[in-house]
Protein backbone atom coordinates (compact mmCIF):
# COMPACT_ATOMS: atom_id res chain seq x y z
CA MET A 1 0.16 -0.49 0.06
CA VAL A 2 1.08 3.45 -0.94
CA LEU A 3 1.13 5.81 1.38
CA ILE A 4 0.16 9.99 -0.50
CA ALA A 5 1.39 12.67 1.47
CA LYS A 6 -1.75 15.10 2.01
CA LYS A 7 -0.54 18.73 0.11
CA ARG A 8 -1.22 22.18 2.05
CA VAL A 9 -1.30 25.58 0.75
CA TYR A 10 1.66 27.67 2.05
CA ASP A 11 1.60 32.08 1.29
CA VAL A 12 4.42 33.16 -0.91
CA GLU A 13 4.34 36.60 0.17
CA ILE A 14 6.19 39.10 -3.04
CA PRO A 15 7.22 42.37 -1.37
CA VAL A 16 8.18 43.65 -4.28
CA ILE A 17 4.40 43.60 -5.73
CA GLY A 18 2.67 43.54 -3.38
CA GLN A 19 1.00 40.60 -3.70
CA THR A 20 0.47 37.23 -1.45
CA VAL A 21 0.48 33.82 -3.80
CA GLN A 22 -0.65 30.55 -2.38
CA VAL A 23 1.35 27.32 -3.94
CA LEU A 24 0.77 23.55 -2.67
CA SER A 25 2.98 21.32 -1.06
CA SER A 26 2.97 18.16 0.51
CA ASN A 27 6.27 19.67 2.66
CA PRO A 28 7.01 22.97 3.75
CA GLU A 29 11.10 22.43 3.23
CA ASN A 30 10.04 21.44 -0.55
CA LEU A 31 9.33 25.47 -1.47
CA VAL A 32 12.38 26.53 -0.59
CA GLY A 33 14.16 28.08 -3.54
CA ARG A 34 10.69 26.44 -5.66
CA THR A 35 10.13 28.72 -8.82
CA ILE A 36 6.73 30.57 -9.23
CA LYS A 37 5.99 32.17 -12.79
CA ILE A 38 3.87 34.91 -12.38
CA ASP A 39 1.37 36.80 -15.13
CA LEU A 40 1.48 40.15 -14.31
CA THR A 41 -0.49 41.62 -17.61
CA ARG A 42 -3.85 42.20 -15.55
CA ALA A 43 -1.66 44.30 -12.31
CA LEU A 44 0.47 46.88 -15.32
CA LYS A 45 -2.58 47.76 -17.45
CA GLY A 46 -2.22 45.25 -20.54
CA LYS A 47 2.08 45.42 -20.65
CA ASN A 48 2.47 41.96 -21.23
CA ILE A 49 4.96 40.97 -18.18
CA ASP A 50 5.86 37.46 -17.53
CA ALA A 51 7.77 37.30 -13.99
CA SER A 52 9.49 34.33 -12.18
CA VAL A 53 9.76 34.38 -8.58
CA ILE A 54 11.84 32.02 -6.26
CA ILE A 55 11.13 31.23 -3.13
CA ARG A 56 13.20 32.19 0.19
CA LYS A 57 12.56 31.39 3.59
CA GLU A 58 12.91 34.08 6.24
CA GLY A 59 12.02 32.52 9.89
CA ASP A 60 8.43 31.18 8.97
CA LYS A 61 7.53 32.80 6.34
CA PHE A 62 8.06 32.85 2.95
CA PHE A 63 9.11 35.45 0.55
CA GLY A 64 9.49 35.47 -3.31
CA GLU A 65 12.10 37.29 -5.02
CA PHE A 66 12.03 38.35 -8.22
CA PHE A 67 15.23 36.84 -10.82
CA TYR A 68 13.40 37.38 -13.83
CA ILE A 69 11.29 39.66 -16.06
CA ARG A 70 10.12 39.35 -19.52
CA LEU A 71 7.74 41.97 -21.96
CA LEU A 72 6.56 39.34 -23.94
CA PRO A 73 6.72 39.41 -28.04
CA SER A 74 3.40 39.84 -28.53
CA PHE A 75 3.55 43.47 -27.14
CA ILE A 76 6.37 44.19 -28.88
CA ARG A 77 4.88 43.10 -32.23
CA ARG A 78 1.50 45.51 -31.55
CA MET A 79 3.87 48.31 -30.90
CA ILE A 80 6.12 47.43 -33.79
CA ARG A 81 4.58 50.23 -37.20
CA LYS A 82 5.73 50.21 -40.86
CA SER A 83 9.13 52.60 -41.23
CA VAL A 84 9.84 52.78 -37.83
CA SER A 85 13.83 51.98 -36.17
CA TYR A 86 14.20 49.49 -33.37
CA ILE A 87 17.34 49.42 -31.37
CA GLU A 88 17.97 46.17 -29.02
CA ASP A 89 20.95 45.80 -27.04
CA SER A 90 22.08 43.58 -24.38
CA PHE A 91 24.58 43.59 -21.38
CA THR A 92 25.13 43.10 -18.07
CA ALA A 93 24.58 45.33 -15.25
CA GLN A 94 26.43 45.87 -11.35
CA SER A 95 23.87 46.17 -9.00
CA LYS A 96 24.14 46.68 -5.07
CA ASP A 97 23.67 42.85 -5.06
CA GLY A 98 24.63 41.26 -8.04
CA ASN A 99 24.56 40.88 -11.69
CA ILE A 100 21.27 42.30 -13.39
CA ILE A 101 21.08 41.15 -17.71
CA ILE A 102 19.51 44.44 -19.15
CA LYS A 103 18.10 44.04 -22.15
CA PRO A 104 16.60 47.67 -23.60
CA TYR A 105 14.00 47.91 -26.60
CA LEU A 106 13.79 51.17 -27.90
CA LEU A 107 11.43 51.87 -30.78
CA ALA A 108 12.15 55.48 -32.75
CA ARG A 109 9.20 57.66 -34.01
CA LYS A 110 10.55 57.18 -37.69
CA ARG A 111 13.25 55.31 -39.23
CA VAL A 112 16.70 56.99 -37.97
CA TYR A 113 20.14 56.51 -39.32
CA ARG A 114 22.38 54.21 -37.80
CA SER A 115 24.33 56.60 -36.33
CA VAL A 116 21.91 57.44 -34.16
CA ARG A 117 20.47 54.17 -33.86
CA LYS A 118 23.98 53.77 -31.88
CA ALA A 119 23.98 57.33 -30.37
CA LEU A 120 20.78 55.91 -28.65
CA ARG A 121 21.87 52.52 -27.89
CA ASP A 122 24.80 53.86 -26.19
CA ARG A 123 23.54 56.87 -24.30
CA ALA A 124 20.76 53.82 -23.01
CA LYS A 125 23.82 51.95 -22.14
CA GLU A 126 25.26 54.30 -19.79
CA VAL A 127 22.01 55.72 -18.59
CA ILE A 128 20.69 52.20 -16.74
CA ILE A 129 24.31 51.27 -15.96
CA GLU A 130 24.13 54.42 -14.25
CA TYR A 131 20.77 54.13 -12.28
CA ILE A 132 21.26 50.38 -11.49
CA LYS A 133 24.97 50.55 -9.44
CA ASN A 134 23.74 52.41 -6.70
CA ARG A 135 20.45 50.04 -6.13
CA THR A 136 19.39 46.84 -4.67
CA ASN A 137 17.66 44.37 -7.12
CA ASP A 138 14.45 44.13 -5.58
CA ASP A 139 14.87 48.06 -6.25
CA VAL A 140 15.95 47.73 -9.58
CA PHE A 141 13.24 45.17 -10.41
CA PHE A 142 10.60 47.44 -8.20
CA SER A 143 11.73 50.14 -10.87
CA ILE A 144 11.34 48.41 -14.33
CA LEU A 145 7.38 46.98 -12.87
CA SER A 146 6.59 51.10 -12.09
CA GLY A 147 8.58 52.52 -15.52
CA ASN A 148 10.32 54.73 -13.50
CA LEU A 149 13.72 53.61 -15.26
CA GLN A 150 11.96 53.43 -19.03
CA LYS A 151 10.72 57.24 -17.99
CA GLU A 152 14.41 57.95 -16.95
CA ILE A 153 15.77 56.83 -20.56
CA ALA A 154 13.08 58.15 -22.50
CA VAL A 155 13.63 61.95 -21.04
CA ASP A 156 17.17 61.64 -21.23
CA LEU A 157 17.62 59.99 -25.03
CA LYS A 158 14.72 62.83 -26.01
CA LYS A 159 17.42 64.79 -26.85
CA ILE A 160 18.91 62.54 -29.58
CA TYR A 161 16.09 61.24 -31.06
CA PRO A 162 12.27 61.13 -29.60
CA LEU A 163 11.66 57.61 -28.97
CA ALA A 164 7.89 56.33 -29.42
CA LEU A 165 8.73 53.81 -26.71
CA SER A 166 11.30 52.82 -24.38
CA GLU A 167 10.98 49.24 -22.52
CA ILE A 168 13.20 46.90 -20.44
CA ARG A 169 12.42 43.62 -22.71
CA VAL A 170 14.43 41.31 -20.48
CA ALA A 171 15.77 41.77 -17.26
CA LYS A 172 17.12 38.73 -15.00
CA LEU A 173 20.04 37.94 -12.37
CA LYS A 174 23.08 36.40 -13.25
CA LYS A 175 24.02 33.89 -11.59
């Protein structure tokens, strides 16, 4: 006869977005280190974002820490138009807690020269690295979700060329 362990619901608090998620597990020790995928589309008013959270235990409570945020390709496809230039990049930025892989996505209003795209890409990288270097990982993920980092990029890059869209396509903790 095989005994099946009864599963219980455990609350995992995610302080960055202020939500509590319920997770099923037979043993609470199995939850530590487990990942949860969260769809933040409704929370962010239609901006299709997928997030992955890793569960940590402090005392008798479970907390979720972001380690991956991704803007879904369907959102990007919806934003892009004909005869418009887009700028992508990928680099690692140092925060107080560790390294974060950042992939910004910039959309110009019209088609622009390659030199303008390169200037936008380089300046965006400088702004993001400067913004991240004196913040913790949780602060960085919160600023991406709230749009503060994207707003700062757009305001700074407006001097080079006005953008239709500036987003962080991927933000991922580097192990």
